[in-house]
Amino acid sequence: MSRKIELILREWGTFQIKHKDFADEFGSNILYQAGIMGGRVQDKGDGHKILCPDTPRHLQKVDILLKRLPIMEALTIKLWYCSPIKEDGHPHTMAELACKARMSLTAFGDNLRSGRKGLKRLGL
């Protein structure tokens, strides 16, 4: 995997965590979609949702390309890069995230590698 893609995905994940209280265009938090945290953003009285503010264009591209990947690859990438730090100050291990996703460790790793390759093939 290229270092450029890894850096972009890390930046994208950090941005998603930082803006976890905001929704995507469908009113669903990306972390909630990945089963990490959060939930649906409730409509305000006027029916509008709070959209994530000022997402940089290169990070918007990640969101767009993730929607073109097979669902398990996209969810694995979301879990890996958007998981917040645990209360003890350590990141989640791959085994913990695989368990959360109800995947074997091998399947999780395979989906992560395939997803990264897919993003590269799609032009990330």
N, C-alpha and C. Protein backbone atom coordinates (compact mmCIF):
# COMPACT_ATOMS: atom_id res chain seq x y z
N MET A 1 0.84 -1.17 0.00
CA MET A 1 0.00 0.00 0.00
C MET A 1 0.88 1.24 0.00
N SER A 2 0.44 2.24 -0.71
CA SER A 2 1.26 3.44 -0.80
C SER A 2 1.12 4.29 0.46
N ARG A 3 2.19 4.95 0.77
CA ARG A 3 2.22 5.82 1.95
C ARG A 3 1.22 6.96 1.79
N LYS A 4 1.05 7.45 0.57
CA LYS A 4 0.12 8.55 0.31
C LYS A 4 -1.31 8.16 0.71
N ILE A 5 -1.74 6.97 0.31
CA ILE A 5 -3.09 6.52 0.63
C ILE A 5 -3.24 6.36 2.14
N GLU A 6 -2.24 5.79 2.78
CA GLU A 6 -2.29 5.62 4.24
C GLU A 6 -2.43 6.96 4.94
N LEU A 7 -1.69 7.96 4.51
CA LEU A 7 -1.76 9.28 5.13
C LEU A 7 -3.12 9.94 4.91
N ILE A 8 -3.65 9.81 3.71
CA ILE A 8 -4.98 10.38 3.42
C ILE A 8 -6.05 9.69 4.26
N LEU A 9 -5.98 8.35 4.35
CA LEU A 9 -6.98 7.63 5.14
C LEU A 9 -6.88 7.97 6.62
N ARG A 10 -5.68 8.15 7.12
CA ARG A 10 -5.52 8.55 8.53
C ARG A 10 -6.10 9.95 8.75
N GLU A 11 -5.82 10.86 7.84
CA GLU A 11 -6.37 12.22 7.95
C GLU A 11 -7.89 12.19 7.88
N TRP A 12 -8.43 11.38 6.96
CA TRP A 12 -9.87 11.24 6.81
C TRP A 12 -10.48 10.68 8.10
N GLY A 13 -9.88 9.65 8.67
CA GLY A 13 -10.39 9.06 9.90
C GLY A 13 -10.38 10.03 11.06
N THR A 14 -9.30 10.79 11.18
CA THR A 14 -9.21 11.80 12.24
C THR A 14 -10.29 12.86 12.07
N PHE A 15 -10.53 13.27 10.84
CA PHE A 15 -11.58 14.24 10.56
C PHE A 15 -12.95 13.69 10.94
N GLN A 16 -13.20 12.41 10.61
CA GLN A 16 -14.48 11.79 10.93
C GLN A 16 -14.70 11.73 12.44
N ILE A 17 -13.66 11.37 13.18
CA ILE A 17 -13.78 11.29 14.64
C ILE A 17 -14.03 12.68 15.22
N LYS A 18 -13.30 13.66 14.72
CA LYS A 18 -13.42 15.03 15.22
C LYS A 18 -14.84 15.57 14.99
N HIS A 19 -15.47 15.15 13.91
CA HIS A 19 -16.79 15.65 13.56
C HIS A 19 -17.86 14.57 13.76
N LYS A 20 -17.69 13.74 14.76
CA LYS A 20 -18.59 12.60 14.98
C LYS A 20 -20.03 13.00 15.26
N ASP A 21 -20.25 14.23 15.68
CA ASP A 21 -21.61 14.67 15.98
C ASP A 21 -22.35 15.19 14.77
N PHE A 22 -21.68 15.17 13.63
CA PHE A 22 -22.31 15.66 12.41
C PHE A 22 -22.73 14.48 11.54
N ALA A 23 -23.58 14.75 10.58
CA ALA A 23 -24.14 13.70 9.74
C ALA A 23 -23.67 13.82 8.31
N ASP A 24 -23.80 12.71 7.59
CA ASP A 24 -23.56 12.78 6.15
C ASP A 24 -24.86 13.23 5.47
N GLU A 25 -24.87 13.20 4.16
CA GLU A 25 -26.04 13.70 3.43
C GLU A 25 -27.32 12.89 3.67
N PHE A 26 -27.20 11.69 4.23
CA PHE A 26 -28.37 10.87 4.50
C PHE A 26 -28.81 10.97 5.96
N GLY A 27 -28.14 11.80 6.73
CA GLY A 27 -28.51 11.98 8.13
C GLY A 27 -27.93 10.92 9.04
N SER A 28 -26.97 10.19 8.56
CA SER A 28 -26.38 9.13 9.36
C SER A 28 -24.91 9.42 9.61
N ASN A 29 -24.50 9.28 10.84
CA ASN A 29 -23.10 9.51 11.20
C ASN A 29 -22.27 8.37 10.65
N ILE A 30 -21.13 8.66 10.05
CA ILE A 30 -20.30 7.63 9.42
C ILE A 30 -19.77 6.63 10.45
N LEU A 31 -19.54 7.09 11.68
CA LEU A 31 -19.08 6.18 12.71
C LEU A 31 -20.19 5.23 13.14
N TYR A 32 -21.42 5.73 13.14
CA TYR A 32 -22.56 4.89 13.46
C TYR A 32 -22.71 3.80 12.38
N GLN A 33 -22.52 4.18 11.12
CA GLN A 33 -22.62 3.22 10.03
C GLN A 33 -21.61 2.09 10.21
N ALA A 34 -20.46 2.42 10.73
CA ALA A 34 -19.42 1.42 10.92
C ALA A 34 -19.57 0.68 12.24
N GLY A 35 -20.61 1.02 13.02
CA GLY A 35 -20.86 0.33 14.27
C GLY A 35 -19.96 0.76 15.40
N ILE A 36 -19.41 1.95 15.32
CA ILE A 36 -18.47 2.39 16.34
C ILE A 36 -19.14 3.21 17.43
N MET A 37 -19.87 4.22 17.06
CA MET A 37 -20.47 5.12 18.03
C MET A 37 -21.48 6.00 17.33
N GLY A 38 -22.12 6.86 18.08
CA GLY A 38 -23.02 7.84 17.49
C GLY A 38 -24.34 7.23 17.09
N GLY A 39 -25.04 7.91 16.24
CA GLY A 39 -26.34 7.44 15.81
C GLY A 39 -26.92 8.38 14.79
N ARG A 40 -28.17 8.23 14.57
CA ARG A 40 -28.86 9.10 13.63
C ARG A 40 -28.95 10.50 14.19
N VAL A 41 -28.80 11.47 13.33
CA VAL A 41 -28.97 12.86 13.73
C VAL A 41 -30.45 13.16 13.60
N GLN A 42 -31.01 13.64 14.68
CA GLN A 42 -32.44 13.95 14.67
C GLN A 42 -32.70 15.21 13.86
N ASP A 43 -33.80 15.18 13.11
CA ASP A 43 -34.18 16.38 12.36
C ASP A 43 -34.48 17.50 13.33
N LYS A 44 -34.08 18.69 12.98
CA LYS A 44 -34.47 19.87 13.74
C LYS A 44 -35.94 20.12 13.42
N GLY A 45 -36.54 21.06 14.09
CA GLY A 45 -37.95 21.36 13.86
C GLY A 45 -38.28 21.65 12.41
N ASP A 46 -37.33 22.22 11.68
CA ASP A 46 -37.57 22.58 10.28
C ASP A 46 -37.21 21.44 9.32
N GLY A 47 -36.77 20.30 9.86
CA GLY A 47 -36.48 19.16 9.01
C GLY A 47 -35.08 19.11 8.45
N HIS A 48 -34.22 20.07 8.79
CA HIS A 48 -32.86 20.09 8.27
C HIS A 48 -31.93 19.27 9.16
N LYS A 49 -30.92 18.71 8.55
CA LYS A 49 -29.91 17.96 9.27
C LYS A 49 -28.66 18.83 9.42
N ILE A 50 -27.84 18.48 10.39
CA ILE A 50 -26.57 19.15 10.54
C ILE A 50 -25.57 18.39 9.70
N LEU A 51 -25.08 19.00 8.64
CA LEU A 51 -24.10 18.36 7.78
C LEU A 51 -22.70 18.70 8.25
N CYS A 52 -21.79 17.81 7.99
CA CYS A 52 -20.41 18.01 8.40
C CYS A 52 -19.87 19.28 7.74
N PRO A 53 -19.35 20.21 8.52
CA PRO A 53 -18.94 21.50 7.96
C PRO A 53 -17.61 21.45 7.22
N ASP A 54 -17.57 22.10 6.10
CA ASP A 54 -16.33 22.36 5.39
C ASP A 54 -15.38 21.17 5.27
N THR A 55 -15.89 20.06 4.80
CA THR A 55 -15.03 18.91 4.59
C THR A 55 -14.09 19.21 3.44
N PRO A 56 -12.78 19.08 3.67
CA PRO A 56 -11.83 19.34 2.58
C PRO A 56 -12.11 18.43 1.39
N ARG A 57 -11.88 18.96 0.21
CA ARG A 57 -12.20 18.25 -1.04
C ARG A 57 -11.52 16.88 -1.12
N HIS A 58 -10.25 16.79 -0.71
CA HIS A 58 -9.55 15.51 -0.81
C HIS A 58 -10.12 14.48 0.17
N LEU A 59 -10.76 14.93 1.26
CA LEU A 59 -11.41 14.00 2.17
C LEU A 59 -12.82 13.64 1.67
N GLN A 60 -13.46 14.56 0.98
CA GLN A 60 -14.74 14.24 0.34
C GLN A 60 -14.54 13.12 -0.68
N LYS A 61 -13.42 13.15 -1.35
CA LYS A 61 -13.12 12.12 -2.35
C LYS A 61 -13.08 10.74 -1.71
N VAL A 62 -12.53 10.65 -0.49
CA VAL A 62 -12.50 9.37 0.21
C VAL A 62 -13.93 8.87 0.44
N ASP A 63 -14.80 9.75 0.92
CA ASP A 63 -16.20 9.36 1.15
C ASP A 63 -16.86 8.85 -0.13
N ILE A 64 -16.63 9.56 -1.21
CA ILE A 64 -17.23 9.18 -2.50
C ILE A 64 -16.71 7.82 -2.96
N LEU A 65 -15.40 7.62 -2.88
CA LEU A 65 -14.81 6.37 -3.34
C LEU A 65 -15.19 5.19 -2.44
N LEU A 66 -15.35 5.43 -1.14
CA LEU A 66 -15.76 4.34 -0.24
C LEU A 66 -17.11 3.77 -0.64
N LYS A 67 -17.99 4.62 -1.15
CA LYS A 67 -19.32 4.16 -1.56
C LYS A 67 -19.26 3.27 -2.79
N ARG A 68 -18.11 3.26 -3.48
CA ARG A 68 -17.96 2.43 -4.67
C ARG A 68 -17.30 1.09 -4.36
N LEU A 69 -16.84 0.92 -3.12
CA LEU A 69 -16.23 -0.35 -2.71
C LEU A 69 -17.30 -1.34 -2.27
N PRO A 70 -16.99 -2.63 -2.28
CA PRO A 70 -17.90 -3.60 -1.67
C PRO A 70 -18.13 -3.23 -0.20
N ILE A 71 -19.33 -3.44 0.29
CA ILE A 71 -19.74 -2.97 1.61
C ILE A 71 -18.81 -3.42 2.74
N MET A 72 -18.37 -4.66 2.74
CA MET A 72 -17.51 -5.14 3.82
C MET A 72 -16.14 -4.48 3.81
N GLU A 73 -15.63 -4.19 2.62
CA GLU A 73 -14.36 -3.48 2.53
C GLU A 73 -14.50 -2.06 3.05
N ALA A 74 -15.58 -1.39 2.66
CA ALA A 74 -15.81 -0.01 3.10
C ALA A 74 -16.00 0.04 4.62
N LEU A 75 -16.78 -0.86 5.16
CA LEU A 75 -17.00 -0.87 6.61
C LEU A 75 -15.72 -1.19 7.38
N THR A 76 -14.92 -2.08 6.85
CA THR A 76 -13.65 -2.41 7.50
C THR A 76 -12.74 -1.19 7.51
N ILE A 77 -12.67 -0.46 6.42
CA ILE A 77 -11.86 0.76 6.38
C ILE A 77 -12.39 1.78 7.38
N LYS A 78 -13.71 1.94 7.44
CA LYS A 78 -14.29 2.88 8.40
C LYS A 78 -13.94 2.48 9.83
N LEU A 79 -14.07 1.21 10.13
CA LEU A 79 -13.73 0.75 11.47
C LEU A 79 -12.26 1.00 11.79
N TRP A 80 -11.38 0.66 10.88
CA TRP A 80 -9.94 0.76 11.13
C TRP A 80 -9.48 2.22 11.30
N TYR A 81 -9.96 3.09 10.44
CA TYR A 81 -9.46 4.46 10.46
C TYR A 81 -10.28 5.43 11.30
N CYS A 82 -11.51 5.06 11.65
CA CYS A 82 -12.38 5.99 12.38
C CYS A 82 -12.63 5.57 13.83
N SER A 83 -11.98 4.53 14.28
CA SER A 83 -12.19 4.10 15.67
C SER A 83 -11.51 5.07 16.62
N PRO A 84 -12.26 5.58 17.58
CA PRO A 84 -11.64 6.49 18.54
C PRO A 84 -10.71 5.73 19.48
N ILE A 85 -9.87 6.45 20.15
CA ILE A 85 -8.96 5.87 21.13
C ILE A 85 -9.79 5.35 22.31
N LYS A 86 -9.40 4.21 22.85
CA LYS A 86 -10.11 3.64 24.00
C LYS A 86 -9.89 4.50 25.24
N GLU A 87 -10.72 4.27 26.25
CA GLU A 87 -10.62 5.05 27.48
C GLU A 87 -9.25 4.92 28.14
N ASP A 88 -8.57 3.80 27.92
CA ASP A 88 -7.25 3.61 28.52
C ASP A 88 -6.14 4.32 27.74
N GLY A 89 -6.53 5.03 26.66
CA GLY A 89 -5.56 5.80 25.88
C GLY A 89 -4.89 5.04 24.75
N HIS A 90 -5.25 3.79 24.57
CA HIS A 90 -4.66 2.96 23.51
C HIS A 90 -5.64 2.81 22.34
N PRO A 91 -5.11 2.66 21.13
CA PRO A 91 -6.00 2.41 19.99
C PRO A 91 -6.55 0.98 20.05
N HIS A 92 -7.65 0.76 19.37
CA HIS A 92 -8.20 -0.59 19.26
C HIS A 92 -7.24 -1.45 18.44
N THR A 93 -7.11 -2.69 18.82
CA THR A 93 -6.30 -3.61 18.02
C THR A 93 -7.14 -4.12 16.86
N MET A 94 -6.46 -4.69 15.89
CA MET A 94 -7.18 -5.25 14.76
C MET A 94 -8.09 -6.39 15.23
N ALA A 95 -7.63 -7.17 16.19
CA ALA A 95 -8.44 -8.27 16.72
C ALA A 95 -9.72 -7.75 17.39
N GLU A 96 -9.62 -6.65 18.13
CA GLU A 96 -10.81 -6.06 18.77
C GLU A 96 -11.81 -5.56 17.73
N LEU A 97 -11.29 -4.91 16.70
CA LEU A 97 -12.19 -4.39 15.67
C LEU A 97 -12.80 -5.52 14.85
N ALA A 98 -12.03 -6.56 14.60
CA ALA A 98 -12.58 -7.72 13.88
C ALA A 98 -13.70 -8.35 14.68
N CYS A 99 -13.50 -8.45 15.98
CA CYS A 99 -14.54 -9.01 16.85
C CYS A 99 -15.79 -8.13 16.82
N LYS A 100 -15.60 -6.82 16.90
CA LYS A 100 -16.73 -5.88 16.85
C LYS A 100 -17.49 -6.02 15.54
N ALA A 101 -16.76 -6.27 14.46
CA ALA A 101 -17.38 -6.42 13.13
C ALA A 101 -17.89 -7.84 12.89
N ARG A 102 -17.65 -8.72 13.87
CA ARG A 102 -18.04 -10.13 13.76
C ARG A 102 -17.39 -10.79 12.54
N MET A 103 -16.09 -10.52 12.40
CA MET A 103 -15.29 -11.11 11.33
C MET A 103 -14.12 -11.82 11.97
N SER A 104 -13.58 -12.76 11.24
CA SER A 104 -12.33 -13.35 11.70
C SER A 104 -11.23 -12.30 11.49
N LEU A 105 -10.15 -12.48 12.21
CA LEU A 105 -9.02 -11.56 12.06
C LEU A 105 -8.49 -11.60 10.62
N THR A 106 -8.46 -12.79 10.04
CA THR A 106 -8.00 -12.94 8.66
C THR A 106 -8.91 -12.19 7.69
N ALA A 107 -10.22 -12.34 7.86
CA ALA A 107 -11.17 -11.66 6.98
C ALA A 107 -11.06 -10.15 7.12
N PHE A 108 -10.89 -9.68 8.36
CA PHE A 108 -10.75 -8.24 8.59
C PHE A 108 -9.52 -7.71 7.85
N GLY A 109 -8.39 -8.39 8.03
CA GLY A 109 -7.16 -7.98 7.35
C GLY A 109 -7.29 -8.02 5.84
N ASP A 110 -7.93 -9.08 5.33
CA ASP A 110 -8.13 -9.20 3.88
C ASP A 110 -9.01 -8.07 3.35
N ASN A 111 -10.09 -7.75 4.08
CA ASN A 111 -10.98 -6.66 3.66
C ASN A 111 -10.26 -5.32 3.70
N LEU A 112 -9.43 -5.13 4.70
CA LEU A 112 -8.68 -3.88 4.81
C LEU A 112 -7.71 -3.72 3.63
N ARG A 113 -6.98 -4.79 3.34
CA ARG A 113 -6.03 -4.74 2.20
C ARG A 113 -6.78 -4.56 0.87
N SER A 114 -7.85 -5.30 0.68
CA SER A 114 -8.62 -5.19 -0.56
C SER A 114 -9.23 -3.80 -0.71
N GLY A 115 -9.72 -3.26 0.40
CA GLY A 115 -10.31 -1.92 0.36
C GLY A 115 -9.29 -0.86 -0.01
N ARG A 116 -8.11 -0.95 0.58
CA ARG A 116 -7.04 0.01 0.25
C ARG A 116 -6.66 -0.10 -1.23
N LYS A 117 -6.53 -1.34 -1.71
CA LYS A 117 -6.19 -1.54 -3.13
C LYS A 117 -7.30 -1.00 -4.02
N GLY A 118 -8.55 -1.22 -3.60
CA GLY A 118 -9.69 -0.70 -4.36
C GLY A 118 -9.69 0.80 -4.44
N LEU A 119 -9.39 1.45 -3.31
CA LEU A 119 -9.33 2.92 -3.29
C LEU A 119 -8.21 3.42 -4.20
N LYS A 120 -7.09 2.73 -4.18
CA LYS A 120 -5.99 3.12 -5.08
C LYS A 120 -6.40 2.95 -6.54
N ARG A 121 -7.04 1.83 -6.85
CA ARG A 121 -7.49 1.56 -8.21
C ARG A 121 -8.52 2.61 -8.67
N LEU A 122 -9.34 3.11 -7.72
CA LEU A 122 -10.36 4.10 -8.05
C LEU A 122 -9.81 5.51 -8.14
N GLY A 123 -8.53 5.68 -7.82
CA GLY A 123 -7.91 6.99 -8.02
C GLY A 123 -7.59 7.78 -6.76
N LEU A 124 -7.61 7.16 -5.60
CA LEU A 124 -7.26 7.89 -4.39
C LEU A 124 -5.77 8.14 -4.34
